[in-house]
Structure formats: C-alpha cells, structure tokens
Amino acid sequence: MLATAGYESALAPPPFRGLTDENSEGWLTWFEKYVTYRGFPDQEKLNLLVVLLRDSAGDWLDTLDDRTRNDWELT
C-alpha cells in the first residue's frame, strides 16, 4: 500500500470550494470516476464528499436536510 500512496493521491480529486472559477461539473465527474475506481460503496462516497467540499461548497452541503445529505442518490 505504501508504494501506491503517492499514486493514489495523484488520482484523488482536490478539495472543491465552490468558487466561481471552479468547474463544478468537471470536478464531480472526476470525483465519480475516482470513487468508481476505488470501488467505494455509497456511504464511503458520502464520507469523502463531506471531506472534499470546503468553504462555500461545504456550507451548501450543510444546508441540505439529513435525508438528502445522507443518501448518495439524492445528493
């Protein structure tokens, strides 16, 4: 696992802050490809999403009701 640690971090999407110069659709596509590559189940996808959405994007996520925030299909 240690031999691939740098490779894994190179593939992972960077944090998304919700800035106007960020490409939200491109970022989400990258995120979806990464979690598919890693074989993450829905709960792990949500866990990673919470960590990667920062600033305005994280604030937006926090405004969602619990049902929406905790269901990958609704998020």
Protein backbone atom coordinates (compact mmCIF):
# COMPACT_ATOMS: atom_id res chain seq x y z
CA MET A 1 0.00 0.00 0.00
CA LEU A 2 2.80 2.45 0.78
CA ALA A 3 4.23 2.01 -2.71
CA THR A 4 0.99 3.30 -4.23
CA ALA A 5 0.24 6.07 -1.73
CA GLY A 6 1.58 8.85 -3.97
CA TYR A 7 -0.19 7.37 -6.97
CA GLU A 8 -3.48 7.30 -5.09
CA SER A 9 -3.19 10.91 -4.00
CA ALA A 10 -2.38 11.94 -7.59
CA LEU A 11 -5.65 10.35 -8.74
CA ALA A 12 -7.87 11.74 -5.99
CA PRO A 13 -9.82 14.90 -6.73
CA PRO A 14 -8.68 18.04 -4.91
CA PRO A 15 -10.99 19.82 -2.48
CA PHE A 16 -13.85 21.71 -4.10
CA ARG A 17 -14.61 25.12 -2.61
CA GLY A 18 -17.47 26.33 -4.78
CA LEU A 19 -15.55 29.27 -6.22
CA THR A 20 -16.81 30.84 -9.43
CA ASP A 21 -13.64 29.87 -11.31
CA GLU A 22 -14.01 26.17 -10.41
CA ASN A 23 -15.65 23.78 -12.86
CA SER A 24 -18.24 22.02 -10.71
CA GLU A 25 -19.32 19.56 -13.42
CA GLY A 26 -15.73 18.64 -14.22
CA TRP A 27 -14.91 18.22 -10.55
CA LEU A 28 -17.95 16.00 -9.97
CA THR A 29 -17.04 13.86 -12.99
CA TRP A 30 -13.51 13.43 -11.58
CA PHE A 31 -14.96 12.58 -8.17
CA GLU A 32 -17.34 9.98 -9.62
CA LYS A 33 -14.56 8.36 -11.66
CA TYR A 34 -12.32 8.22 -8.59
CA VAL A 35 -14.90 6.62 -6.30
CA THR A 36 -15.79 4.14 -9.03
CA TYR A 37 -12.09 3.28 -9.47
CA ARG A 38 -11.77 2.77 -5.72
CA GLY A 39 -14.99 0.72 -5.58
CA PHE A 40 -16.47 2.86 -2.82
CA PRO A 41 -19.97 1.99 -1.64
CA ASP A 42 -22.42 4.88 -1.28
CA GLN A 43 -21.59 5.64 2.38
CA GLU A 44 -17.87 5.96 1.63
CA LYS A 45 -18.68 8.24 -1.32
CA LEU A 46 -20.65 10.49 1.02
CA ASN A 47 -17.89 10.42 3.63
CA LEU A 48 -15.30 11.52 1.07
CA LEU A 49 -17.61 14.16 -0.35
CA VAL A 50 -18.03 15.73 3.10
CA VAL A 51 -14.25 15.96 3.45
CA LEU A 52 -13.62 17.37 -0.03
CA LEU A 53 -16.37 20.01 -0.11
CA ARG A 54 -14.95 23.07 1.61
CA ASP A 55 -15.83 26.71 2.15
CA SER A 56 -18.97 27.69 0.17
CA ALA A 57 -19.41 24.16 -1.17
CA GLY A 58 -19.24 22.72 2.35
CA ASP A 59 -21.65 25.37 3.57
CA TRP A 60 -24.09 24.35 0.80
CA LEU A 61 -23.83 20.70 1.82
CA ASP A 62 -24.58 21.66 5.41
CA THR A 63 -27.85 23.31 4.33
CA LEU A 64 -29.24 20.03 2.95
CA ASP A 65 -31.69 18.15 5.11
CA ASP A 66 -30.38 14.94 6.70
CA ARG A 67 -32.25 12.65 4.32
CA THR A 68 -30.74 14.31 1.25
CA ARG A 69 -27.25 14.70 2.74
CA ASN A 70 -27.12 11.03 3.75
CA ASP A 71 -28.41 9.50 0.52
CA TRP A 72 -25.92 9.30 -2.34
CA GLU A 73 -28.68 9.12 -4.95
CA LEU A 74 -30.27 12.35 -3.66
CA THR A 75 -27.03 14.26 -3.14
